[in-house]
Amino acid sequence: MPWIELRGSIPLGLAWGMPWYLVSGFAVLANVLVFIPVYFLLHLFYERWFSRVALVRRWVERVRVKGREPVEKYGVWGLAVFVAIPLPGTGAYSGTLLAFLMGMPAGRAFLAVGSGVVGAGVLVTLAATGVLAGLRAIVPGV
């Protein structure tokens, strides 16, 4: 399920007893690979259809103008931190959408989203293994 991303898959895989390195590795890889189709499909749909709708075109242009300064100021690392925050709505999908809306070139956007996903994977893995270890100490058989 796209909205869950690695924030749900890592704890679930660990709860099922799968090795942390496999769960985290595959979750991060799958989440990073999401960038490629989403980023390029956004461009394709925008160029072919959405840019023809004046309201959508003006909105995207306005977002890009407003977002230019933060992108220039914080750039790749600002977007990476946004993606790495393990909260709903801050993952690879929303980071890719933000990169597209801000007009960030594909290479920089991939670096930002990819490093953010790796950061989120580390944070979620550490949190999930700690929580599960605590539960196992309290409740045998968890």
Foldseek 3Di string as FASTA:
>chain_A
DVQCQLLPQQLVCVVVVHDNCVSLVVSLVVQLVVLVVLLVVVVVCCVPPVCVPVVSVVVLVVLLVVCQVVCVVCNLQVLLCQQQPSDGPRHLNNSSVSCNSNVPDPVSSSSSRSNSSNNNSVVSSVVSVVVVVVCCVVDPPD
